Structures are given as C-alpha cells and as structure tokens.
Amino acid sequence: MKNVLVLCTGNSCRSQMAQGYLESLTDKSKVKIYSAGTNNQPINQRAIDIMKEDDIDISNNTSNNVNEYLDVDFDFVITVCDNAKENCPIFPSKAVKIHYDFPDPAATEGSEDEIYFQFLTVREMIKMFCEDFVEENL
C-alpha cells in the first residue's frame, strides 16, 4: 500500500481538490490518499462545487491538520502551496517530497464570474498535475 499526503495551508481548497483527483485516478486497494493543512480550515464550498462539475464529490471530505498524520509512513508528500512547503513538519520516513505552488483560488477577489473562473483554472491545473503524478509515480 502506498501512502500519499497532499499538504496545503488550510486544507480547504487545493489539497482537497488534489485528494479528490488522486482518489479518482488510483486503485484504493493499492493507494491511500490523505490531505491535510498546516493551519486547517473548513472545506471551501466553491471547491466542492467546482469539483462536482467534474463528477468528483469532495463534500464528505474532512479538513485535517498535518499533525494528525505524523505516525503515517508516507511514500509521497505533495505540497501544493509555498507556505505549506516552508512549514511542513519533518516526516521521519522515506517520503519523496514533491512541490507545486498552485494559486489560491479562495484568495481571488472580483466578480462571481472572476472567482468562478479562477477556481476552474486552478482545478484544471491540479487535475493535470494529478494525472501526471499518477502516471509517473503510481
């Protein structure tokens, strides 16, 4: 069993979207996907809505703190924002660390259309990243 952690600051948008895609792209009997935040916050409703548009339901996910997983032997730790990379605890494991700084769609200001477009853009970036990650590593 491979263990993969997706880590962000709030565990409310980017890491939740990545968890959703990684779970949809992998065999649950061979890969366990976790997501967490260094300062976890409730899951963003817009993230739930934008993922639903791609037939992925993250509405039952939970927002977890990275400290909950210190005893898990991860094979991969993926940080999806610079803040999480800088504040990630040291995991005493063989975990391969992978980093990609996705824009934070929750920080977008503007009209509803502009915010929606940013969530859509980030979702598509995360989807491509996850497809590549699975193809190259799992």
N, C-alpha and C. Protein backbone atom coordinates (compact mmCIF):
# COMPACT_ATOMS: atom_id res chain seq x y z
N MET A 1 0.85 -1.19 0.00
CA MET A 1 0.00 0.00 0.00
C MET A 1 0.89 1.24 0.00
N LYS A 2 0.63 2.14 -0.94
CA LYS A 2 1.32 3.43 -1.00
C LYS A 2 0.49 4.45 -0.25
N ASN A 3 1.16 5.30 0.53
CA ASN A 3 0.51 6.38 1.24
C ASN A 3 0.97 7.71 0.67
N VAL A 4 0.00 8.55 0.28
CA VAL A 4 0.29 9.84 -0.32
C VAL A 4 -0.40 10.92 0.49
N LEU A 5 0.35 11.94 0.89
CA LEU A 5 -0.19 13.09 1.61
C LEU A 5 -0.14 14.30 0.71
N VAL A 6 -1.28 15.00 0.58
CA VAL A 6 -1.33 16.28 -0.11
C VAL A 6 -1.49 17.34 0.97
N LEU A 7 -0.56 18.28 0.98
CA LEU A 7 -0.47 19.24 2.07
C LEU A 7 -0.59 20.67 1.56
N CYS A 8 -1.43 21.44 2.24
CA CYS A 8 -1.62 22.85 1.92
C CYS A 8 -1.72 23.60 3.25
N THR A 9 -1.89 24.89 3.18
CA THR A 9 -2.01 25.65 4.42
C THR A 9 -3.34 25.36 5.11
N GLY A 10 -4.45 25.58 4.41
CA GLY A 10 -5.76 25.46 5.04
C GLY A 10 -6.47 24.14 4.88
N ASN A 11 -6.02 23.30 3.94
CA ASN A 11 -6.70 22.05 3.62
C ASN A 11 -8.18 22.32 3.31
N SER A 12 -8.42 23.45 2.62
CA SER A 12 -9.79 23.82 2.31
C SER A 12 -10.10 23.84 0.82
N CYS A 13 -9.07 23.99 -0.04
CA CYS A 13 -9.31 24.07 -1.49
C CYS A 13 -8.37 23.18 -2.28
N ARG A 14 -7.14 23.65 -2.45
CA ARG A 14 -6.20 22.99 -3.35
C ARG A 14 -5.89 21.56 -2.95
N SER A 15 -5.60 21.31 -1.70
CA SER A 15 -5.28 19.95 -1.27
C SER A 15 -6.52 19.05 -1.34
N GLN A 16 -7.69 19.62 -1.10
CA GLN A 16 -8.94 18.85 -1.21
C GLN A 16 -9.21 18.46 -2.66
N MET A 17 -8.99 19.40 -3.58
CA MET A 17 -9.18 19.08 -4.99
C MET A 17 -8.19 18.01 -5.43
N ALA A 18 -6.94 18.14 -5.01
CA ALA A 18 -5.93 17.15 -5.38
C ALA A 18 -6.28 15.78 -4.79
N GLN A 19 -6.74 15.74 -3.56
CA GLN A 19 -7.15 14.47 -2.96
C GLN A 19 -8.26 13.84 -3.79
N GLY A 20 -9.23 14.64 -4.19
CA GLY A 20 -10.34 14.14 -4.99
C GLY A 20 -9.86 13.53 -6.30
N TYR A 21 -8.99 14.23 -7.00
CA TYR A 21 -8.48 13.69 -8.27
C TYR A 21 -7.62 12.46 -8.05
N LEU A 22 -6.73 12.51 -7.08
CA LEU A 22 -5.85 11.35 -6.85
C LEU A 22 -6.66 10.11 -6.48
N GLU A 23 -7.70 10.29 -5.66
CA GLU A 23 -8.54 9.15 -5.30
C GLU A 23 -9.28 8.61 -6.52
N SER A 24 -9.68 9.49 -7.43
CA SER A 24 -10.42 9.03 -8.61
C SER A 24 -9.50 8.36 -9.63
N LEU A 25 -8.21 8.63 -9.55
CA LEU A 25 -7.25 8.11 -10.54
C LEU A 25 -6.49 6.87 -10.08
N THR A 26 -6.67 6.48 -8.82
CA THR A 26 -5.89 5.37 -8.28
C THR A 26 -6.77 4.26 -7.75
N ASP A 27 -6.18 3.11 -7.58
CA ASP A 27 -6.84 1.94 -7.02
C ASP A 27 -6.78 2.03 -5.50
N LYS A 28 -7.94 2.16 -4.88
CA LYS A 28 -7.99 2.35 -3.41
C LYS A 28 -7.42 1.17 -2.64
N SER A 29 -7.29 0.01 -3.27
CA SER A 29 -6.70 -1.14 -2.58
C SER A 29 -5.17 -1.07 -2.61
N LYS A 30 -4.62 -0.16 -3.41
CA LYS A 30 -3.17 -0.04 -3.54
C LYS A 30 -2.61 1.29 -3.08
N VAL A 31 -3.48 2.31 -3.04
CA VAL A 31 -3.03 3.67 -2.72
C VAL A 31 -4.01 4.31 -1.75
N LYS A 32 -3.49 4.91 -0.69
CA LYS A 32 -4.30 5.65 0.28
C LYS A 32 -3.89 7.12 0.17
N ILE A 33 -4.88 7.98 -0.11
CA ILE A 33 -4.64 9.40 -0.27
C ILE A 33 -5.11 10.13 0.99
N TYR A 34 -4.24 10.96 1.53
CA TYR A 34 -4.56 11.80 2.68
C TYR A 34 -4.41 13.26 2.24
N SER A 35 -5.13 14.16 2.88
CA SER A 35 -4.84 15.57 2.69
C SER A 35 -4.90 16.23 4.06
N ALA A 36 -4.12 17.29 4.19
CA ALA A 36 -4.04 17.98 5.48
C ALA A 36 -3.58 19.41 5.26
N GLY A 37 -3.70 20.19 6.32
CA GLY A 37 -3.24 21.57 6.30
C GLY A 37 -2.34 21.85 7.47
N THR A 38 -1.49 22.83 7.30
CA THR A 38 -0.65 23.27 8.42
C THR A 38 -1.45 24.14 9.37
N ASN A 39 -2.55 24.72 8.86
CA ASN A 39 -3.47 25.52 9.67
C ASN A 39 -4.87 25.29 9.09
N ASN A 40 -5.40 24.08 9.32
CA ASN A 40 -6.59 23.66 8.59
C ASN A 40 -7.81 24.53 8.88
N GLN A 41 -8.62 24.68 7.82
CA GLN A 41 -9.85 25.48 7.81
C GLN A 41 -10.97 24.62 7.23
N PRO A 42 -12.22 25.02 7.38
CA PRO A 42 -13.33 24.26 6.77
C PRO A 42 -13.17 24.21 5.25
N ILE A 43 -13.68 23.14 4.65
CA ILE A 43 -13.61 22.99 3.19
C ILE A 43 -14.43 24.08 2.52
N ASN A 44 -13.83 24.69 1.52
CA ASN A 44 -14.45 25.79 0.79
C ASN A 44 -15.59 25.26 -0.10
N GLN A 45 -16.76 25.85 0.03
CA GLN A 45 -17.91 25.41 -0.75
C GLN A 45 -17.68 25.55 -2.25
N ARG A 46 -16.95 26.57 -2.65
CA ARG A 46 -16.68 26.73 -4.08
C ARG A 46 -15.80 25.58 -4.60
N ALA A 47 -14.90 25.08 -3.77
CA ALA A 47 -14.07 23.93 -4.17
C ALA A 47 -14.96 22.70 -4.35
N ILE A 48 -15.88 22.51 -3.43
CA ILE A 48 -16.82 21.39 -3.55
C ILE A 48 -17.62 21.51 -4.84
N ASP A 49 -18.12 22.71 -5.12
CA ASP A 49 -18.96 22.93 -6.30
C ASP A 49 -18.18 22.73 -7.60
N ILE A 50 -16.96 23.24 -7.68
CA ILE A 50 -16.20 23.13 -8.92
C ILE A 50 -15.77 21.69 -9.19
N MET A 51 -15.53 20.93 -8.13
CA MET A 51 -15.18 19.52 -8.31
C MET A 51 -16.40 18.71 -8.75
N LYS A 52 -17.57 19.07 -8.22
CA LYS A 52 -18.81 18.39 -8.63
C LYS A 52 -19.05 18.52 -10.12
N GLU A 53 -18.65 19.67 -10.68
CA GLU A 53 -18.81 19.88 -12.12
C GLU A 53 -17.98 18.88 -12.92
N ASP A 54 -16.94 18.31 -12.31
CA ASP A 54 -16.11 17.30 -12.98
C ASP A 54 -16.42 15.90 -12.42
N ASP A 55 -17.60 15.76 -11.83
CA ASP A 55 -18.10 14.47 -11.31
C ASP A 55 -17.24 13.89 -10.18
N ILE A 56 -16.66 14.75 -9.38
CA ILE A 56 -15.89 14.30 -8.21
C ILE A 56 -16.51 14.96 -6.98
N ASP A 57 -16.93 14.13 -6.05
CA ASP A 57 -17.61 14.62 -4.85
C ASP A 57 -16.64 14.65 -3.68
N ILE A 58 -16.30 15.86 -3.24
CA ILE A 58 -15.43 16.00 -2.06
C ILE A 58 -16.21 16.55 -0.87
N SER A 59 -17.54 16.55 -0.98
CA SER A 59 -18.37 17.15 0.06
C SER A 59 -18.29 16.42 1.40
N ASN A 60 -17.90 15.16 1.38
CA ASN A 60 -17.79 14.41 2.64
C ASN A 60 -16.36 14.35 3.17
N ASN A 61 -15.44 15.01 2.47
CA ASN A 61 -14.05 15.06 2.96
C ASN A 61 -14.01 15.84 4.27
N THR A 62 -12.96 15.61 5.02
CA THR A 62 -12.76 16.38 6.25
C THR A 62 -11.49 17.20 6.10
N SER A 63 -11.44 18.31 6.81
CA SER A 63 -10.24 19.14 6.83
C SER A 63 -9.42 18.72 8.04
N ASN A 64 -8.22 18.23 7.77
CA ASN A 64 -7.38 17.67 8.82
C ASN A 64 -6.10 18.47 9.00
N ASN A 65 -5.57 18.40 10.21
CA ASN A 65 -4.29 19.04 10.50
C ASN A 65 -3.17 18.05 10.26
N VAL A 66 -2.08 18.52 9.70
CA VAL A 66 -0.95 17.66 9.36
C VAL A 66 -0.45 16.88 10.57
N ASN A 67 -0.57 17.43 11.76
CA ASN A 67 -0.08 16.75 12.96
C ASN A 67 -0.84 15.46 13.25
N GLU A 68 -2.02 15.29 12.67
CA GLU A 68 -2.78 14.06 12.85
C GLU A 68 -2.11 12.86 12.17
N TYR A 69 -1.20 13.15 11.24
CA TYR A 69 -0.61 12.10 10.42
C TYR A 69 0.88 11.88 10.65
N LEU A 70 1.40 12.38 11.72
CA LEU A 70 2.84 12.27 11.96
C LEU A 70 3.31 10.82 12.08
N ASP A 71 2.40 9.91 12.43
CA ASP A 71 2.78 8.50 12.57
C ASP A 71 2.59 7.67 11.30
N VAL A 72 2.07 8.30 10.24
CA VAL A 72 1.85 7.58 8.98
C VAL A 72 3.15 7.57 8.18
N ASP A 73 3.50 6.41 7.66
CA ASP A 73 4.70 6.27 6.85
C ASP A 73 4.35 6.59 5.40
N PHE A 74 4.55 7.85 5.01
CA PHE A 74 4.18 8.29 3.66
C PHE A 74 5.25 7.92 2.65
N ASP A 75 4.79 7.57 1.46
CA ASP A 75 5.69 7.35 0.33
C ASP A 75 5.92 8.65 -0.42
N PHE A 76 4.88 9.51 -0.44
CA PHE A 76 4.96 10.80 -1.11
C PHE A 76 4.29 11.85 -0.25
N VAL A 77 4.92 13.03 -0.16
CA VAL A 77 4.30 14.21 0.45
C VAL A 77 4.31 15.29 -0.62
N ILE A 78 3.12 15.69 -1.03
CA ILE A 78 2.97 16.69 -2.09
C ILE A 78 2.49 17.98 -1.44
N THR A 79 3.30 19.02 -1.52
CA THR A 79 2.88 20.33 -1.03
C THR A 79 2.35 21.12 -2.22
N VAL A 80 1.19 21.74 -2.04
CA VAL A 80 0.55 22.44 -3.15
C VAL A 80 0.51 23.95 -2.97
N CYS A 81 1.28 24.44 -2.00
CA CYS A 81 1.47 25.88 -1.85
C CYS A 81 2.79 26.12 -1.13
N ASP A 82 3.40 27.28 -1.39
CA ASP A 82 4.70 27.57 -0.82
C ASP A 82 4.68 27.61 0.70
N ASN A 83 3.61 28.16 1.28
CA ASN A 83 3.53 28.25 2.73
C ASN A 83 3.58 26.87 3.38
N ALA A 84 2.87 25.91 2.81
CA ALA A 84 2.88 24.54 3.36
C ALA A 84 4.26 23.92 3.23
N LYS A 85 4.92 24.17 2.10
CA LYS A 85 6.27 23.62 1.90
C LYS A 85 7.21 24.15 2.98
N GLU A 86 7.12 25.43 3.26
CA GLU A 86 8.01 26.05 4.24
C GLU A 86 7.68 25.62 5.67
N ASN A 87 6.42 25.27 5.93
CA ASN A 87 6.00 24.94 7.29
C ASN A 87 5.70 23.47 7.51
N CYS A 88 6.05 22.65 6.54
CA CYS A 88 5.78 21.22 6.62
C CYS A 88 6.67 20.59 7.70
N PRO A 89 6.06 19.80 8.57
CA PRO A 89 6.89 19.12 9.57
C PRO A 89 7.78 18.08 8.88
N ILE A 90 8.83 17.73 9.55
CA ILE A 90 9.72 16.70 9.04
C ILE A 90 9.08 15.34 9.29
N PHE A 91 8.84 14.59 8.23
CA PHE A 91 8.29 13.26 8.37
C PHE A 91 9.45 12.27 8.44
N PRO A 92 9.53 11.50 9.52
CA PRO A 92 10.63 10.53 9.65
C PRO A 92 10.36 9.31 8.78
N SER A 93 10.43 9.51 7.48
CA SER A 93 10.14 8.41 6.56
C SER A 93 10.93 8.60 5.28
N LYS A 94 10.72 7.68 4.39
CA LYS A 94 11.38 7.73 3.10
C LYS A 94 10.60 8.58 2.10
N ALA A 95 9.62 9.32 2.56
CA ALA A 95 8.71 10.06 1.68
C ALA A 95 9.45 10.92 0.67
N VAL A 96 9.04 10.77 -0.58
CA VAL A 96 9.53 11.64 -1.64
C VAL A 96 8.70 12.91 -1.55
N LYS A 97 9.38 14.04 -1.51
CA LYS A 97 8.68 15.32 -1.41
C LYS A 97 8.57 15.95 -2.80
N ILE A 98 7.36 16.33 -3.14
CA ILE A 98 7.07 16.96 -4.43
C ILE A 98 6.35 18.26 -4.13
N HIS A 99 6.73 19.32 -4.86
CA HIS A 99 6.12 20.62 -4.60
C HIS A 99 5.64 21.26 -5.89
N TYR A 100 4.44 21.84 -5.82
CA TYR A 100 3.91 22.67 -6.91
C TYR A 100 3.07 23.75 -6.25
N ASP A 101 3.41 24.99 -6.51
CA ASP A 101 2.71 26.12 -5.89
C ASP A 101 1.54 26.55 -6.78
N PHE A 102 0.36 26.01 -6.48
CA PHE A 102 -0.85 26.39 -7.21
C PHE A 102 -1.37 27.71 -6.66
N PRO A 103 -1.93 28.57 -7.50
CA PRO A 103 -2.57 29.79 -6.99
C PRO A 103 -3.71 29.43 -6.04
N ASP A 104 -3.95 30.28 -5.07
CA ASP A 104 -5.03 30.04 -4.12
C ASP A 104 -6.32 30.64 -4.67
N PRO A 105 -7.26 29.82 -5.14
CA PRO A 105 -8.48 30.38 -5.71
C PRO A 105 -9.33 31.08 -4.66
N ALA A 106 -9.22 30.69 -3.40
CA ALA A 106 -10.01 31.31 -2.34
C ALA A 106 -9.57 32.75 -2.08
N ALA A 107 -8.38 33.11 -2.52
CA ALA A 107 -7.89 34.48 -2.32
C ALA A 107 -8.31 35.42 -3.45
N THR A 108 -9.00 34.88 -4.44
CA THR A 108 -9.41 35.68 -5.59
C THR A 108 -10.46 36.70 -5.19
N GLU A 109 -10.25 37.92 -5.64
CA GLU A 109 -11.23 38.98 -5.43
C GLU A 109 -11.80 39.37 -6.78
N GLY A 110 -13.03 39.81 -6.79
CA GLY A 110 -13.65 40.24 -8.04
C GLY A 110 -15.09 39.77 -8.10
N SER A 111 -15.60 39.75 -9.31
CA SER A 111 -16.98 39.34 -9.52
C SER A 111 -17.12 37.83 -9.32
N GLU A 112 -18.36 37.38 -9.22
CA GLU A 112 -18.60 35.94 -9.10
C GLU A 112 -18.03 35.20 -10.29
N ASP A 113 -18.14 35.79 -11.48
CA ASP A 113 -17.58 35.16 -12.68
C ASP A 113 -16.06 35.05 -12.60
N GLU A 114 -15.41 36.08 -12.12
CA GLU A 114 -13.95 36.07 -12.00
C GLU A 114 -13.50 35.03 -10.97
N ILE A 115 -14.20 34.94 -9.86
CA ILE A 115 -13.87 33.95 -8.84
C ILE A 115 -14.10 32.54 -9.37
N TYR A 116 -15.24 32.33 -10.04
CA TYR A 116 -15.53 31.03 -10.64
C TYR A 116 -14.43 30.63 -11.62
N PHE A 117 -14.03 31.54 -12.49
CA PHE A 117 -13.01 31.25 -13.48
C PHE A 117 -11.68 30.87 -12.82
N GLN A 118 -11.34 31.53 -11.72
CA GLN A 118 -10.09 31.19 -11.02
C GLN A 118 -10.18 29.79 -10.41
N PHE A 119 -11.31 29.45 -9.81
CA PHE A 119 -11.49 28.10 -9.27
C PHE A 119 -11.40 27.07 -10.39
N LEU A 120 -12.02 27.36 -11.53
CA LEU A 120 -11.98 26.45 -12.67
C LEU A 120 -10.55 26.29 -13.18
N THR A 121 -9.83 27.39 -13.30
CA THR A 121 -8.45 27.35 -13.79
C THR A 121 -7.56 26.54 -12.87
N VAL A 122 -7.66 26.78 -11.57
CA VAL A 122 -6.84 26.05 -10.60
C VAL A 122 -7.23 24.58 -10.59
N ARG A 123 -8.52 24.29 -10.67
CA ARG A 123 -8.95 22.89 -10.72
C ARG A 123 -8.32 22.17 -11.90
N GLU A 124 -8.30 22.79 -13.06
CA GLU A 124 -7.72 22.16 -14.24
C GLU A 124 -6.21 21.98 -14.09
N MET A 125 -5.54 22.93 -13.46
CA MET A 125 -4.10 22.79 -13.20
C MET A 125 -3.84 21.60 -12.28
N ILE A 126 -4.64 21.49 -11.23
CA ILE A 126 -4.49 20.40 -10.27
C ILE A 126 -4.80 19.06 -10.94
N LYS A 127 -5.82 19.03 -11.76
CA LYS A 127 -6.18 17.79 -12.46
C LYS A 127 -5.01 17.30 -13.32
N MET A 128 -4.41 18.20 -14.10
CA MET A 128 -3.27 17.81 -14.95
C MET A 128 -2.09 17.35 -14.10
N PHE A 129 -1.82 18.08 -13.01
CA PHE A 129 -0.74 17.70 -12.11
C PHE A 129 -0.97 16.28 -11.56
N CYS A 130 -2.18 16.00 -11.12
CA CYS A 130 -2.50 14.70 -10.54
C CYS A 130 -2.39 13.59 -11.57
N GLU A 131 -2.88 13.83 -12.78
CA GLU A 131 -2.74 12.82 -13.84
C GLU A 131 -1.28 12.51 -14.10
N ASP A 132 -0.45 13.56 -14.18
CA ASP A 132 0.99 13.35 -14.40
C ASP A 132 1.64 12.62 -13.23
N PHE A 133 1.27 13.01 -12.00
CA PHE A 133 1.83 12.38 -10.82
C PHE A 133 1.53 10.88 -10.79
N VAL A 134 0.29 10.53 -11.05
CA VAL A 134 -0.11 9.11 -11.04
C VAL A 134 0.64 8.34 -12.12
N GLU A 135 0.70 8.90 -13.30
CA GLU A 135 1.38 8.24 -14.42
C GLU A 135 2.86 8.03 -14.12
N GLU A 136 3.51 9.01 -13.51
CA GLU A 136 4.95 8.94 -13.27
C GLU A 136 5.33 8.19 -11.98
N ASN A 137 4.43 8.15 -11.01
CA ASN A 137 4.82 7.63 -9.69
C ASN A 137 4.02 6.44 -9.18
N LEU A 138 2.82 6.25 -9.67
CA LEU A 138 1.99 5.19 -9.12
C LEU A 138 1.59 4.20 -10.19
